[in-house]
Amino acid sequence: MGRPRLHDAETRTELLRAAEALVAKGGPDAVSVRGLAAKVGTTTRAIYSVFRDKDGLFRALIHESFSKLLSAVNAVQLTDDPLEDLIRAGTEGFRRYALGYPNLMRFVFEGPALRDPAPENQAIALEALQVLRLRVERCAAAGIIPAEAVDTVTTAFHGLCLGLASTERGGCLPMPMGKQPEPVWDAALRALVTGFAGAKRPAGKPWPRSEWPTGR
């Protein structure tokens, strides 16, 4: 007779990895407490003990995804070149996260999971966005982009990273630009940021889409 399984950190990690795989195959609806327990070789009691319920499991997956994203971006050390630091946050940080944890990325950013109201997940999502925003702010402080464009550039940069990652995962990168995907990421993100250089808008007014810079 084998020793009883302990509902510890190792069990939690196994359950998260198994849930991630199930989500990858069939989306959130493919995950059931009984099916997940069978896949890991444990009991439903283990899932309830570690996560309380299925929603708790999904909240843990969301938190795991943002933790991986934060780790990947924070691993890109800052230098005295704000523009390069921002570009590398995408090409080295976000791309490493997207390719290393594609299932977690899809679960959070390509489905309803991002609307999770759990305070701990709202907090880590905002923390991840703030890490990016701080790099954009450094570009503004260096005069690379106007200060009033910080929020717009932050949002657009994040969205472009998501699009590039999705395109690369789908096998559509590289496109005509070359044999490797990295130059496509670099060129696209660099064009986005530098396209805002010297852009102006009326003080105190929102930046309507029709007035977004079109690049140079």
Protein backbone atom coordinates (compact mmCIF):
# COMPACT_ATOMS: atom_id res chain seq x y z
CA MET A 1 0.00 0.00 0.00
CA GLY A 2 1.42 3.37 -0.98
CA ARG A 3 1.58 6.25 1.43
CA PRO A 4 -1.35 8.70 1.28
CA ARG A 5 -0.96 11.75 -0.91
CA LEU A 6 -0.39 14.95 1.01
CA HIS A 7 -2.21 18.04 -0.17
CA ASP A 8 0.91 20.17 -0.21
CA ALA A 9 2.66 22.61 -2.53
CA GLU A 10 3.69 19.73 -4.80
CA THR A 11 0.08 18.62 -5.15
CA ARG A 12 -0.94 22.20 -5.91
CA THR A 13 1.66 22.47 -8.66
CA GLU A 14 0.61 19.16 -10.20
CA LEU A 15 -3.04 20.21 -10.20
CA LEU A 16 -2.24 23.56 -11.81
CA ARG A 17 -0.15 21.93 -14.54
CA ALA A 18 -2.86 19.37 -15.24
CA ALA A 19 -5.57 22.05 -15.30
CA GLU A 20 -3.43 24.10 -17.68
CA ALA A 21 -3.17 21.13 -20.04
CA LEU A 22 -6.92 20.51 -19.93
CA VAL A 23 -7.63 24.18 -20.66
CA ALA A 24 -5.24 24.01 -23.62
CA LYS A 25 -7.17 21.11 -25.13
CA GLY A 26 -10.75 22.16 -24.54
CA GLY A 27 -10.90 25.54 -22.82
CA PRO A 28 -12.15 26.19 -19.27
CA ASP A 29 -15.21 23.99 -19.85
CA ALA A 30 -12.93 20.98 -20.26
CA VAL A 31 -11.89 21.21 -16.61
CA SER A 32 -13.96 19.32 -14.06
CA VAL A 33 -13.01 18.57 -10.48
CA ARG A 34 -13.44 14.83 -10.97
CA GLY A 35 -11.59 14.78 -14.30
CA LEU A 36 -8.72 16.83 -12.93
CA ALA A 37 -8.37 14.57 -9.91
CA ALA A 38 -8.25 11.52 -12.17
CA LYS A 39 -5.63 13.09 -14.42
CA VAL A 40 -3.32 13.82 -11.48
CA GLY A 41 -4.04 10.55 -9.70
CA THR A 42 -5.47 12.11 -6.59
CA THR A 43 -8.91 12.68 -5.09
CA THR A 44 -11.47 15.42 -5.48
CA ARG A 45 -10.85 16.11 -1.82
CA ALA A 46 -7.34 17.26 -2.71
CA ILE A 47 -8.72 19.87 -5.11
CA TYR A 48 -11.24 21.13 -2.59
CA SER A 49 -8.55 21.19 0.09
CA VAL A 50 -6.09 23.19 -2.00
CA PHE A 51 -8.40 25.46 -4.03
CA ARG A 52 -11.79 25.18 -2.23
CA ASP A 53 -13.63 24.85 -5.56
CA LYS A 54 -13.29 25.05 -9.34
CA ASP A 55 -13.44 28.84 -9.31
CA GLY A 56 -10.59 28.85 -6.82
CA LEU A 57 -8.58 26.69 -9.19
CA PHE A 58 -9.19 29.11 -12.05
CA ARG A 59 -8.23 32.06 -9.85
CA ALA A 60 -4.98 30.27 -9.05
CA LEU A 61 -4.31 29.75 -12.77
CA ILE A 62 -4.84 33.46 -13.41
CA HIS A 63 -2.50 34.40 -10.60
CA GLU A 64 0.08 31.91 -11.86
CA SER A 65 -0.07 33.41 -15.35
CA PHE A 66 0.51 36.97 -14.17
CA SER A 67 3.30 35.79 -11.85
CA LYS A 68 5.08 34.21 -14.80
CA LEU A 69 4.61 37.37 -16.85
CA LEU A 70 6.00 39.55 -14.08
CA SER A 71 9.01 37.28 -13.62
CA ALA A 72 9.76 37.30 -17.35
CA VAL A 73 9.60 41.09 -17.69
CA ASN A 74 11.43 41.80 -14.44
CA ALA A 75 14.22 39.50 -15.60
CA VAL A 76 14.99 42.04 -18.33
CA GLN A 77 17.30 44.32 -16.42
CA LEU A 78 17.19 48.07 -16.83
CA THR A 79 20.07 49.94 -18.45
CA ASP A 80 20.68 53.62 -19.21
CA ASP A 81 18.76 53.29 -22.50
CA PRO A 82 15.00 53.64 -21.81
CA LEU A 83 13.92 52.87 -25.37
CA GLU A 84 15.91 49.64 -25.60
CA ASP A 85 14.73 48.62 -22.14
CA LEU A 86 11.11 49.05 -23.23
CA ILE A 87 11.58 47.16 -26.50
CA ARG A 88 13.35 44.32 -24.69
CA ALA A 89 10.48 44.10 -22.20
CA GLY A 90 8.47 42.95 -25.21
CA THR A 91 10.98 41.00 -27.27
CA GLU A 92 12.67 39.26 -24.34
CA GLY A 93 10.17 39.54 -21.49
CA PHE A 94 6.65 39.20 -22.86
CA ARG A 95 7.74 36.93 -25.70
CA ARG A 96 9.54 34.58 -23.30
CA TYR A 97 6.39 34.38 -21.18
CA ALA A 98 4.10 33.85 -24.19
CA LEU A 99 6.21 31.08 -25.69
CA GLY A 100 7.08 29.46 -22.38
CA TYR A 101 3.54 29.42 -20.98
CA PRO A 102 1.21 29.59 -23.99
CA ASN A 103 -1.68 27.86 -22.25
CA LEU A 104 -1.60 30.23 -19.30
CA MET A 105 -1.42 33.20 -21.64
CA ARG A 106 -4.40 32.02 -23.68
CA PHE A 107 -6.42 31.29 -20.54
CA VAL A 108 -5.92 34.81 -19.21
CA PHE A 109 -5.74 37.03 -22.27
CA GLU A 110 -7.81 35.21 -24.87
CA GLY A 111 -10.82 34.31 -22.75
CA PRO A 112 -13.06 35.65 -19.99
CA ALA A 113 -10.52 34.96 -17.22
CA LEU A 114 -9.13 38.50 -17.21
CA ARG A 115 -12.43 39.78 -15.88
CA ASP A 116 -11.91 37.80 -12.68
CA PRO A 117 -13.01 40.04 -9.80
CA ALA A 118 -10.76 38.38 -7.19
CA PRO A 119 -8.84 41.20 -5.45
CA GLU A 120 -5.56 39.30 -5.47
CA ASN A 121 -5.76 38.83 -9.22
CA GLN A 122 -6.79 42.41 -9.87
CA ALA A 123 -3.77 43.47 -7.84
CA ILE A 124 -1.25 41.33 -9.70
CA ALA A 125 -2.74 42.30 -13.08
CA LEU A 126 -2.30 45.97 -12.20
CA GLU A 127 1.22 45.26 -10.95
CA ALA A 128 2.12 43.67 -14.28
CA LEU A 129 0.71 46.65 -16.16
CA GLN A 130 2.54 49.08 -13.89
CA VAL A 131 5.87 47.34 -14.59
CA LEU A 132 5.32 48.07 -18.27
CA ARG A 133 4.06 51.59 -17.61
CA LEU A 134 7.19 52.46 -15.63
CA ARG A 135 9.33 51.59 -18.65
CA VAL A 136 7.12 53.75 -20.85
CA GLU A 137 7.41 56.59 -18.34
CA ARG A 138 11.20 56.37 -18.58
CA CYS A 139 10.87 56.94 -22.33
CA ALA A 140 8.73 60.00 -21.65
CA ALA A 141 11.24 61.32 -19.11
CA ALA A 142 13.98 60.92 -21.72
CA GLY A 143 11.96 62.90 -24.27
CA ILE A 144 11.41 59.91 -26.57
CA ILE A 145 7.62 60.22 -26.36
CA PRO A 146 5.44 63.03 -25.00
CA ALA A 147 4.35 62.65 -21.39
CA GLU A 148 0.68 62.76 -22.34
CA ALA A 149 1.14 59.65 -24.51
CA VAL A 150 2.26 57.37 -21.66
CA ASP A 151 -1.09 55.69 -21.07
CA THR A 152 -1.78 55.30 -24.78
CA VAL A 153 1.66 53.83 -25.49
CA THR A 154 1.38 51.47 -22.51
CA THR A 155 -1.96 50.12 -23.70
CA ALA A 156 -0.91 49.90 -27.35
CA PHE A 157 2.41 48.24 -26.48
CA HIS A 158 0.66 45.59 -24.40
CA GLY A 159 -1.90 44.97 -27.13
CA LEU A 160 0.77 44.68 -29.81
CA CYS A 161 2.69 42.14 -27.72
CA LEU A 162 -0.47 40.05 -27.40
CA GLY A 163 -1.04 40.20 -31.15
CA LEU A 164 2.54 39.31 -32.01
CA ALA A 165 2.52 36.41 -29.57
CA SER A 166 -0.74 35.05 -30.95
CA THR A 167 0.53 35.40 -34.51
CA GLU A 168 3.81 33.67 -33.75
CA ARG A 169 2.08 30.83 -31.91
CA GLY A 170 -0.15 30.36 -34.93
CA GLY A 171 2.89 29.88 -37.15
CA CYS A 172 2.47 33.17 -39.02
CA LEU A 173 5.80 34.65 -37.91
CA PRO A 174 8.18 35.27 -39.46
CA MET A 175 6.39 36.99 -42.27
CA PRO A 176 8.15 38.67 -45.22
CA MET A 177 10.58 40.49 -42.91
CA GLY A 178 13.03 37.65 -42.44
CA LYS A 179 13.72 34.14 -41.30
CA GLN A 180 13.43 34.75 -37.55
CA PRO A 181 10.51 36.16 -35.53
CA GLU A 182 12.61 38.34 -33.22
CA PRO A 183 13.25 41.06 -35.86
CA VAL A 184 9.51 41.28 -36.49
CA TRP A 185 8.82 41.86 -32.79
CA ASP A 186 11.63 44.41 -32.55
CA ALA A 187 10.59 46.35 -35.65
CA ALA A 188 6.89 46.41 -34.74
CA LEU A 189 7.40 47.51 -31.13
CA ARG A 190 10.05 50.06 -32.06
CA ALA A 191 7.80 51.56 -34.75
CA LEU A 192 4.96 51.83 -32.26
CA VAL A 193 6.98 53.71 -29.65
CA THR A 194 8.97 55.97 -31.96
CA GLY A 195 5.81 56.73 -33.91
CA PHE A 196 4.66 58.77 -30.94
CA ALA A 197 7.81 60.89 -30.87
CA GLY A 198 6.88 64.52 -31.23
CA ALA A 199 3.15 63.76 -31.35
CA LYS A 200 0.92 66.42 -29.83
CA ARG A 201 -2.65 66.67 -28.69
CA PRO A 202 -4.66 69.44 -26.99
CA ALA A 203 -3.91 69.65 -23.29
CA GLY A 204 -6.53 68.08 -21.06
CA LYS A 205 -8.32 66.32 -23.91
CA PRO A 206 -8.35 62.61 -24.73
CA TRP A 207 -6.35 61.34 -27.64
CA PRO A 208 -8.98 60.19 -30.14
CA ARG A 209 -8.15 57.21 -32.33
CA SER A 210 -8.41 59.37 -35.44
CA GLU A 211 -5.49 61.48 -34.22
CA TRP A 212 -3.15 58.63 -33.29
CA PRO A 213 0.29 58.96 -34.85
CA THR A 214 0.77 56.90 -37.99
CA GLY A 215 4.55 56.52 -37.75
CA ARG A 216 7.31 58.04 -39.80
